Amino acid sequence: MLQQEHYIQSTEEEVSHIESVKNSIEELRESGNFFSVSLQTLELIRRFNHLYIQVFEKMDANPSLLHQLVVAADGLEKKLIRES
């Protein structure tokens, strides 16, 4: 039977991770390499940006949105690493 390692991130760690992904998106935008990423990655970026605006700019305190943003950031980070 496979064992899985479980860990819980604090909210500060999650926000730090989200900001790191946001910075990666900005670097990608500034470099002009949007054409080198897949459509799936572009859709993840669009979804991430939408959630980021809801949570951090519009200050929506819905925990579900924050969780969706954390999940989107994790998936997007993995896609960006694979495609770079």
PDB file of N, CA and C in Angstrom:
ATOM      1  N   MET A   1       0.846  -1.182   0.000  1.00  0.00           N
ATOM      2  CA  MET A   1       0.000   0.000   0.000  1.00  0.00           C
ATOM      3  C   MET A   1       0.891   1.245   0.000  1.00  0.00           C
ATOM      4  N   LEU A   2       0.546   2.185  -0.816  1.00  0.00           N
ATOM      5  CA  LEU A   2       1.320   3.419  -0.909  1.00  0.00           C
ATOM      6  C   LEU A   2       0.977   4.354   0.233  1.00  0.00           C
ATOM      7  N   GLN A   3       1.978   5.000   0.738  1.00  0.00           N
ATOM      8  CA  GLN A   3       1.749   5.996   1.779  1.00  0.00           C
ATOM      9  C   GLN A   3       1.799   7.373   1.149  1.00  0.00           C
ATOM     10  N   GLN A   4       0.916   8.218   1.604  1.00  0.00           N
ATOM     11  CA  GLN A   4       0.916   9.591   1.134  1.00  0.00           C
ATOM     12  C   GLN A   4       1.336  10.495   2.277  1.00  0.00           C
ATOM     13  N   GLU A   5       2.147  11.474   1.934  1.00  0.00           N
ATOM     14  CA  GLU A   5       2.526  12.466   2.929  1.00  0.00           C
ATOM     15  C   GLU A   5       1.502  13.581   2.904  1.00  0.00           C
ATOM     16  N   HIS A   6       0.971  13.878   4.051  1.00  0.00           N
ATOM     17  CA  HIS A   6      -0.016  14.942   4.161  1.00  0.00           C
ATOM     18  C   HIS A   6       0.595  16.101   4.943  1.00  0.00           C
ATOM     19  N   TYR A   7       0.295  17.264   4.507  1.00  0.00           N
ATOM     20  CA  TYR A   7       0.723  18.440   5.237  1.00  0.00           C
ATOM     21  C   TYR A   7      -0.307  19.530   5.039  1.00  0.00           C
ATOM     22  N   ILE A   8      -0.353  20.415   5.971  1.00  0.00           N
ATOM     23  CA  ILE A   8      -1.290  21.526   5.913  1.00  0.00           C
ATOM     24  C   ILE A   8      -0.480  22.807   5.833  1.00  0.00           C
ATOM     25  N   GLN A   9      -0.770  23.605   4.826  1.00  0.00           N
ATOM     26  CA  GLN A   9      -0.095  24.891   4.700  1.00  0.00           C
ATOM     27  C   GLN A   9      -0.876  25.931   5.490  1.00  0.00           C
ATOM     28  N   SER A  10      -0.149  26.859   6.049  1.00  0.00           N
ATOM     29  CA  SER A  10      -0.816  27.974   6.707  1.00  0.00           C
ATOM     30  C   SER A  10      -1.304  28.946   5.638  1.00  0.00           C
ATOM     31  N   THR A  11      -2.192  29.816   6.025  1.00  0.00           N
ATOM     32  CA  THR A  11      -2.714  30.804   5.083  1.00  0.00           C
ATOM     33  C   THR A  11      -1.591  31.680   4.539  1.00  0.00           C
ATOM     34  N   GLU A  12      -0.615  32.016   5.384  1.00  0.00           N
ATOM     35  CA  GLU A  12       0.500  32.840   4.930  1.00  0.00           C
ATOM     36  C   GLU A  12       1.309  32.119   3.853  1.00  0.00           C
ATOM     37  N   GLU A  13       1.516  30.817   4.030  1.00  0.00           N
ATOM     38  CA  GLU A  13       2.252  30.042   3.031  1.00  0.00           C
ATOM     39  C   GLU A  13       1.464  29.959   1.724  1.00  0.00           C
ATOM     40  N   GLU A  14       0.152  29.796   1.835  1.00  0.00           N
ATOM     41  CA  GLU A  14      -0.691  29.739   0.643  1.00  0.00           C
ATOM     42  C   GLU A  14      -0.638  31.061  -0.118  1.00  0.00           C
ATOM     43  N   VAL A  15      -0.736  32.166   0.608  1.00  0.00           N
ATOM     44  CA  VAL A  15      -0.687  33.488  -0.029  1.00  0.00           C
ATOM     45  C   VAL A  15       0.679  33.705  -0.672  1.00  0.00           C
ATOM     46  N   SER A  16       1.731  33.280  -0.006  1.00  0.00           N
ATOM     47  CA  SER A  16       3.077  33.398  -0.566  1.00  0.00           C
ATOM     48  C   SER A  16       3.193  32.586  -1.860  1.00  0.00           C
ATOM     49  N   HIS A  17       2.637  31.397  -1.854  1.00  0.00           N
ATOM     50  CA  HIS A  17       2.659  30.542  -3.048  1.00  0.00           C
ATOM     51  C   HIS A  17       1.870  31.191  -4.185  1.00  0.00           C
ATOM     52  N   ILE A  18       0.711  31.741  -3.870  1.00  0.00           N
ATOM     53  CA  ILE A  18      -0.122  32.421  -4.868  1.00  0.00           C
ATOM     54  C   ILE A  18       0.632  33.603  -5.468  1.00  0.00           C
ATOM     55  N   GLU A  19       1.289  34.388  -4.628  1.00  0.00           N
ATOM     56  CA  GLU A  19       2.059  35.539  -5.116  1.00  0.00           C
ATOM     57  C   GLU A  19       3.219  35.089  -6.000  1.00  0.00           C
ATOM     58  N   SER A  20       3.835  33.974  -5.649  1.00  0.00           N
ATOM     59  CA  SER A  20       4.926  33.438  -6.460  1.00  0.00           C
ATOM     60  C   SER A  20       4.430  33.052  -7.855  1.00  0.00           C
ATOM     61  N   VAL A  21       3.270  32.400  -7.913  1.00  0.00           N
ATOM     62  CA  VAL A  21       2.692  32.034  -9.209  1.00  0.00           C
ATOM     63  C   VAL A  21       2.314  33.291  -9.989  1.00  0.00           C
ATOM     64  N   LYS A  22       1.759  34.281  -9.302  1.00  0.00           N
ATOM     65  CA  LYS A  22       1.398  35.549  -9.953  1.00  0.00           C
ATOM     66  C   LYS A  22       2.643  36.196 -10.570  1.00  0.00           C
ATOM     67  N   ASN A  23       3.752  36.156  -9.844  1.00  0.00           N
ATOM     68  CA  ASN A  23       5.006  36.708 -10.368  1.00  0.00           C
ATOM     69  C   ASN A  23       5.495  35.930 -11.589  1.00  0.00           C
ATOM     70  N   SER A  24       5.322  34.609 -11.572  1.00  0.00           N
ATOM     71  CA  SER A  24       5.710  33.789 -12.724  1.00  0.00           C
ATOM     72  C   SER A  24       4.892  34.157 -13.953  1.00  0.00           C
ATOM     73  N   ILE A  25       3.602  34.422 -13.749  1.00  0.00           N
ATOM     74  CA  ILE A  25       2.742  34.835 -14.859  1.00  0.00           C
ATOM     75  C   ILE A  25       3.201  36.186 -15.399  1.00  0.00           C
ATOM     76  N   GLU A  26       3.542  37.104 -14.504  1.00  0.00           N
ATOM     77  CA  GLU A  26       4.027  38.422 -14.932  1.00  0.00           C
ATOM     78  C   GLU A  26       5.323  38.303 -15.728  1.00  0.00           C
ATOM     79  N   GLU A  27       6.229  37.430 -15.271  1.00  0.00           N
ATOM     80  CA  GLU A  27       7.486  37.221 -15.993  1.00  0.00           C
ATOM     81  C   GLU A  27       7.217  36.648 -17.383  1.00  0.00           C
ATOM     82  N   LEU A  28       6.268  35.714 -17.472  1.00  0.00           N
ATOM     83  CA  LEU A  28       5.897  35.141 -18.761  1.00  0.00           C
ATOM     84  C   LEU A  28       5.320  36.213 -19.675  1.00  0.00           C
ATOM     85  N   ARG A  29       4.473  37.056 -19.123  1.00  0.00           N
ATOM     86  CA  ARG A  29       3.860  38.132 -19.904  1.00  0.00           C
ATOM     87  C   ARG A  29       4.922  39.112 -20.400  1.00  0.00           C
ATOM     88  N   GLU A  30       5.825  39.504 -19.509  1.00  0.00           N
ATOM     89  CA  GLU A  30       6.859  40.470 -19.876  1.00  0.00           C
ATOM     90  C   GLU A  30       7.838  39.908 -20.907  1.00  0.00           C
ATOM     91  N   SER A  31       8.070  38.602 -20.856  1.00  0.00           N
ATOM     92  CA  SER A  31       9.006  37.995 -21.808  1.00  0.00           C
ATOM     93  C   SER A  31       8.380  37.794 -23.185  1.00  0.00           C
ATOM     94  N   GLY A  32       7.053  37.872 -23.262  1.00  0.00           N
ATOM     95  CA  GLY A  32       6.369  37.698 -24.540  1.00  0.00           C
ATOM     96  C   GLY A  32       6.265  36.258 -24.998  1.00  0.00           C
ATOM     97  N   ASN A  33       6.440  35.320 -24.088  1.00  0.00           N
ATOM     98  CA  ASN A  33       6.425  33.902 -24.450  1.00  0.00           C
ATOM     99  C   ASN A  33       5.061  33.239 -24.299  1.00  0.00           C
ATOM    100  N   PHE A  34       3.994  34.017 -24.327  1.00  0.00           N
ATOM    101  CA  PHE A  34       2.660  33.436 -24.200  1.00  0.00           C
ATOM    102  C   PHE A  34       2.360  32.463 -25.336  1.00  0.00           C
ATOM    103  N   PHE A  35       2.975  32.683 -26.487  1.00  0.00           N
ATOM    104  CA  PHE A  35       2.705  31.822 -27.632  1.00  0.00           C
ATOM    105  C   PHE A  35       3.363  30.454 -27.496  1.00  0.00           C
ATOM    106  N   SER A  36       4.253  30.306 -26.540  1.00  0.00           N
ATOM    107  CA  SER A  36       4.936  29.026 -26.375  1.00  0.00           C
ATOM    108  C   SER A  36       4.242  28.107 -25.373  1.00  0.00           C
ATOM    109  N   VAL A  37       3.173  28.568 -24.743  1.00  0.00           N
ATOM    110  CA  VAL A  37       2.472  27.723 -23.770  1.00  0.00           C
ATOM    111  C   VAL A  37       1.201  27.156 -24.399  1.00  0.00           C
ATOM    112  N   SER A  38       0.744  26.049 -23.837  1.00  0.00           N
ATOM    113  CA  SER A  38      -0.432  25.373 -24.385  1.00  0.00           C
ATOM    114  C   SER A  38      -1.709  26.151 -24.086  1.00  0.00           C
ATOM    115  N   LEU A  39      -2.753  25.815 -24.824  1.00  0.00           N
ATOM    116  CA  LEU A  39      -4.059  26.437 -24.578  1.00  0.00           C
ATOM    117  C   LEU A  39      -4.570  26.099 -23.183  1.00  0.00           C
ATOM    118  N   GLN A  40      -4.269  24.895 -22.715  1.00  0.00           N
ATOM    119  CA  GLN A  40      -4.688  24.502 -21.369  1.00  0.00           C
ATOM    120  C   GLN A  40      -4.024  25.406 -20.325  1.00  0.00           C
ATOM    121  N   THR A  41      -2.759  25.698 -20.512  1.00  0.00           N
ATOM    122  CA  THR A  41      -2.054  26.583 -19.581  1.00  0.00           C
ATOM    123  C   THR A  41      -2.616  27.994 -19.651  1.00  0.00           C
ATOM    124  N   LEU A  42      -2.915  28.460 -20.848  1.00  0.00           N
ATOM    125  CA  LEU A  42      -3.520  29.790 -20.983  1.00  0.00           C
ATOM    126  C   LEU A  42      -4.870  29.851 -20.275  1.00  0.00           C
ATOM    127  N   GLU A  43      -5.645  28.781 -20.352  1.00  0.00           N
ATOM    128  CA  GLU A  43      -6.932  28.729 -19.658  1.00  0.00           C
ATOM    129  C   GLU A  43      -6.723  28.722 -18.144  1.00  0.00           C
ATOM    130  N   LEU A  44      -5.711  28.009 -17.666  1.00  0.00           N
ATOM    131  CA  LEU A  44      -5.399  28.027 -16.233  1.00  0.00           C
ATOM    132  C   LEU A  44      -4.976  29.424 -15.787  1.00  0.00           C
ATOM    133  N   ILE A  45      -4.216  30.117 -16.616  1.00  0.00           N
ATOM    134  CA  ILE A  45      -3.809  31.490 -16.301  1.00  0.00           C
ATOM    135  C   ILE A  45      -5.032  32.392 -16.221  1.00  0.00           C
ATOM    136  N   ARG A  46      -5.950  32.241 -17.172  1.00  0.00           N
ATOM    137  CA  ARG A  46      -7.172  33.042 -17.166  1.00  0.00           C
ATOM    138  C   ARG A  46      -7.981  32.781 -15.899  1.00  0.00           C
ATOM    139  N   ARG A  47      -8.131  31.514 -15.547  1.00  0.00           N
ATOM    140  CA  ARG A  47      -8.888  31.146 -14.342  1.00  0.00           C
ATOM    141  C   ARG A  47      -8.197  31.678 -13.088  1.00  0.00           C
ATOM    142  N   PHE A  48      -6.872  31.521 -13.023  1.00  0.00           N
ATOM    143  CA  PHE A  48      -6.105  32.010 -11.883  1.00  0.00           C
ATOM    144  C   PHE A  48      -6.286  33.516 -11.732  1.00  0.00           C
ATOM    145  N   ASN A  49      -6.145  34.257 -12.831  1.00  0.00           N
ATOM    146  CA  ASN A  49      -6.280  35.716 -12.773  1.00  0.00           C
ATOM    147  C   ASN A  49      -7.668  36.134 -12.318  1.00  0.00           C
ATOM    148  N   HIS A  50      -8.699  35.437 -12.797  1.00  0.00           N
ATOM    149  CA  HIS A  50     -10.073  35.744 -12.386  1.00  0.00           C
ATOM    150  C   HIS A  50     -10.235  35.541 -10.873  1.00  0.00           C
ATOM    151  N   LEU A  51      -9.757  34.415 -10.371  1.00  0.00           N
ATOM    152  CA  LEU A  51      -9.866  34.143  -8.935  1.00  0.00           C
ATOM    153  C   LEU A  51      -9.019  35.118  -8.119  1.00  0.00           C
ATOM    154  N   TYR A  52      -7.830  35.441  -8.627  1.00  0.00           N
ATOM    155  CA  TYR A  52      -6.944  36.372  -7.923  1.00  0.00           C
ATOM    156  C   TYR A  52      -7.627  37.726  -7.736  1.00  0.00           C
ATOM    157  N   ILE A  53      -8.271  38.203  -8.795  1.00  0.00           N
ATOM    158  CA  ILE A  53      -8.986  39.484  -8.714  1.00  0.00           C
ATOM    159  C   ILE A  53     -10.107  39.402  -7.691  1.00  0.00           C
ATOM    160  N   GLN A  54     -10.869  38.302  -7.716  1.00  0.00           N
ATOM    161  CA  GLN A  54     -11.979  38.143  -6.768  1.00  0.00           C
ATOM    162  C   GLN A  54     -11.482  38.168  -5.323  1.00  0.00           C
ATOM    163  N   VAL A  55     -10.407  37.438  -5.054  1.00  0.00           N
ATOM    164  CA  VAL A  55      -9.938  37.271  -3.675  1.00  0.00           C
ATOM    165  C   VAL A  55      -9.151  38.481  -3.185  1.00  0.00           C
ATOM    166  N   PHE A  56      -8.206  38.975  -3.979  1.00  0.00           N
ATOM    167  CA  PHE A  56      -7.291  39.997  -3.483  1.00  0.00           C
ATOM    168  C   PHE A  56      -7.666  41.429  -3.852  1.00  0.00           C
ATOM    169  N   GLU A  57      -8.304  41.626  -4.983  1.00  0.00           N
ATOM    170  CA  GLU A  57      -8.640  42.995  -5.369  1.00  0.00           C
ATOM    171  C   GLU A  57     -10.056  43.371  -4.966  1.00  0.00           C
ATOM    172  N   LYS A  58     -10.979  42.435  -5.122  1.00  0.00           N
ATOM    173  CA  LYS A  58     -12.360  42.708  -4.715  1.00  0.00           C
ATOM    174  C   LYS A  58     -12.623  42.297  -3.271  1.00  0.00           C
ATOM    175  N   MET A  59     -11.618  41.701  -2.644  1.00  0.00           N
ATOM    176  CA  MET A  59     -11.640  41.309  -1.227  1.00  0.00           C
ATOM    177  C   MET A  59     -12.832  40.414  -0.881  1.00  0.00           C
ATOM    178  N   ASP A  60     -13.122  39.447  -1.747  1.00  0.00           N
ATOM    179  CA  ASP A  60     -14.184  38.481  -1.482  1.00  0.00           C
ATOM    180  C   ASP A  60     -13.664  37.490  -0.443  1.00  0.00           C
ATOM    181  N   ALA A  61     -14.297  37.437   0.714  1.00  0.00           N
ATOM    182  CA  ALA A  61     -13.826  36.620   1.830  1.00  0.00           C
ATOM    183  C   ALA A  61     -14.357  35.191   1.791  1.00  0.00           C
ATOM    184  N   ASN A  62     -14.927  34.776   0.686  1.00  0.00           N
ATOM    185  CA  ASN A  62     -15.465  33.427   0.562  1.00  0.00           C
ATOM    186  C   ASN A  62     -14.318  32.408   0.611  1.00  0.00           C
ATOM    187  N   PRO A  63     -14.312  31.513   1.619  1.00  0.00           N
ATOM    188  CA  PRO A  63     -13.220  30.540   1.724  1.00  0.00           C
ATOM    189  C   PRO A  63     -13.131  29.606   0.518  1.00  0.00           C
ATOM    190  N   SER A  64     -14.250  29.365  -0.122  1.00  0.00           N
ATOM    191  CA  SER A  64     -14.262  28.505  -1.302  1.00  0.00           C
ATOM    192  C   SER A  64     -13.434  29.114  -2.429  1.00  0.00           C
ATOM    193  N   LEU A  65     -13.528  30.425  -2.609  1.00  0.00           N
ATOM    194  CA  LEU A  65     -12.746  31.088  -3.657  1.00  0.00           C
ATOM    195  C   LEU A  65     -11.251  31.005  -3.368  1.00  0.00           C
ATOM    196  N   LEU A  66     -10.881  31.180  -2.100  1.00  0.00           N
ATOM    197  CA  LEU A  66      -9.466  31.076  -1.734  1.00  0.00           C
ATOM    198  C   LEU A  66      -8.966  29.661  -2.004  1.00  0.00           C
ATOM    199  N   HIS A  67      -9.764  28.673  -1.647  1.00  0.00           N
ATOM    200  CA  HIS A  67      -9.368  27.284  -1.888  1.00  0.00           C
ATOM    201  C   HIS A  67      -9.212  27.025  -3.390  1.00  0.00           C
ATOM    202  N   GLN A  68     -10.152  27.511  -4.190  1.00  0.00           N
ATOM    203  CA  GLN A  68     -10.052  27.352  -5.645  1.00  0.00           C
ATOM    204  C   GLN A  68      -8.789  28.017  -6.178  1.00  0.00           C
ATOM    205  N   LEU A  69      -8.456  29.168  -5.617  1.00  0.00           N
ATOM    206  CA  LEU A  69      -7.252  29.886  -6.044  1.00  0.00           C
ATOM    207  C   LEU A  69      -5.997  29.099  -5.677  1.00  0.00           C
ATOM    208  N   VAL A  70      -5.971  28.509  -4.494  1.00  0.00           N
ATOM    209  CA  VAL A  70      -4.825  27.700  -4.069  1.00  0.00           C
ATOM    210  C   VAL A  70      -4.652  26.506  -5.006  1.00  0.00           C
ATOM    211  N   VAL A  71      -5.748  25.834  -5.322  1.00  0.00           N
ATOM    212  CA  VAL A  71      -5.695  24.678  -6.223  1.00  0.00           C
ATOM    213  C   VAL A  71      -5.258  25.110  -7.622  1.00  0.00           C
ATOM    214  N   ALA A  72      -5.800  26.219  -8.103  1.00  0.00           N
ATOM    215  CA  ALA A  72      -5.423  26.730  -9.427  1.00  0.00           C
ATOM    216  C   ALA A  72      -3.942  27.103  -9.462  1.00  0.00           C
ATOM    217  N   ALA A  73      -3.451  27.722  -8.402  1.00  0.00           N
ATOM    218  CA  ALA A  73      -2.038  28.113  -8.338  1.00  0.00           C
ATOM    219  C   ALA A  73      -1.140  26.885  -8.381  1.00  0.00           C
ATOM    220  N   ASP A  74      -1.523  25.840  -7.663  1.00  0.00           N
ATOM    221  CA  ASP A  74      -0.726  24.616  -7.635  1.00  0.00           C
ATOM    222  C   ASP A  74      -0.673  23.972  -9.021  1.00  0.00           C
ATOM    223  N   GLY A  75      -1.827  23.837  -9.648  1.00  0.00           N
ATOM    224  CA  GLY A  75      -1.872  23.243 -10.984  1.00  0.00           C
ATOM    225  C   GLY A  75      -1.145  24.076 -12.020  1.00  0.00           C
ATOM    226  N   LEU A  76      -1.311  25.375 -11.933  1.00  0.00           N
ATOM    227  CA  LEU A  76      -0.667  26.276 -12.888  1.00  0.00           C
ATOM    228  C   LEU A  76       0.845  26.254 -12.724  1.00  0.00           C
ATOM    229  N   GLU A  77       1.307  26.234 -11.498  1.00  0.00           N
ATOM    230  CA  GLU A  77       2.747  26.178 -11.259  1.00  0.00           C
ATOM    231  C   GLU A  77       3.345  24.923 -11.894  1.00  0.00           C
ATOM    232  N   LYS A  78       2.681  23.792 -11.718  1.00  0.00           N
ATOM    233  CA  LYS A  78       3.171  22.542 -12.305  1.00  0.00           C
ATOM    234  C   LYS A  78       3.203  22.621 -13.831  1.00  0.00           C
ATOM    235  N   LYS A  79       2.148  23.185 -14.434  1.00  0.00           N
ATOM    236  CA  LYS A  79       2.103  23.315 -15.889  1.00  0.00           C
ATOM    237  C   LYS A  79       3.206  24.245 -16.394  1.00  0.00           C
ATOM    238  N   LEU A  80       3.414  25.359 -15.702  1.00  0.00           N
ATOM    239  CA  LEU A  80       4.447  26.304 -16.136  1.00  0.00           C
ATOM    240  C   LEU A  80       5.837  25.684 -16.048  1.00  0.00           C
ATOM    241  N   ILE A  81       6.068  24.894 -15.013  1.00  0.00           N
ATOM    242  CA  ILE A  81       7.374  24.241 -14.862  1.00  0.00           C
ATOM    243  C   ILE A  81       7.588  23.225 -15.978  1.00  0.00           C
ATOM    244  N   ARG A  82       6.559  22.446 -16.288  1.00  0.00           N
ATOM    245  CA  ARG A  82       6.674  21.438 -17.352  1.00  0.00           C
ATOM    246  C   ARG A  82       6.920  22.071 -18.716  1.00  0.00           C
ATOM    247  N   GLU A  83       6.299  23.214 -18.950  1.00  0.00           N
ATOM    248  CA  GLU A  83       6.380  23.827 -20.277  1.00  0.00           C
ATOM    249  C   GLU A  83       7.575  24.761 -20.448  1.00  0.00           C
ATOM    250  N   SER A  84       8.292  25.018 -19.371  1.00  0.00           N
ATOM    251  CA  SER A  84       9.439  25.929 -19.511  1.00  0.00           C
ATOM    252  C   SER A  84      10.726  25.171 -19.752  1.00  0.00           C
TER     253      SER A  84
END
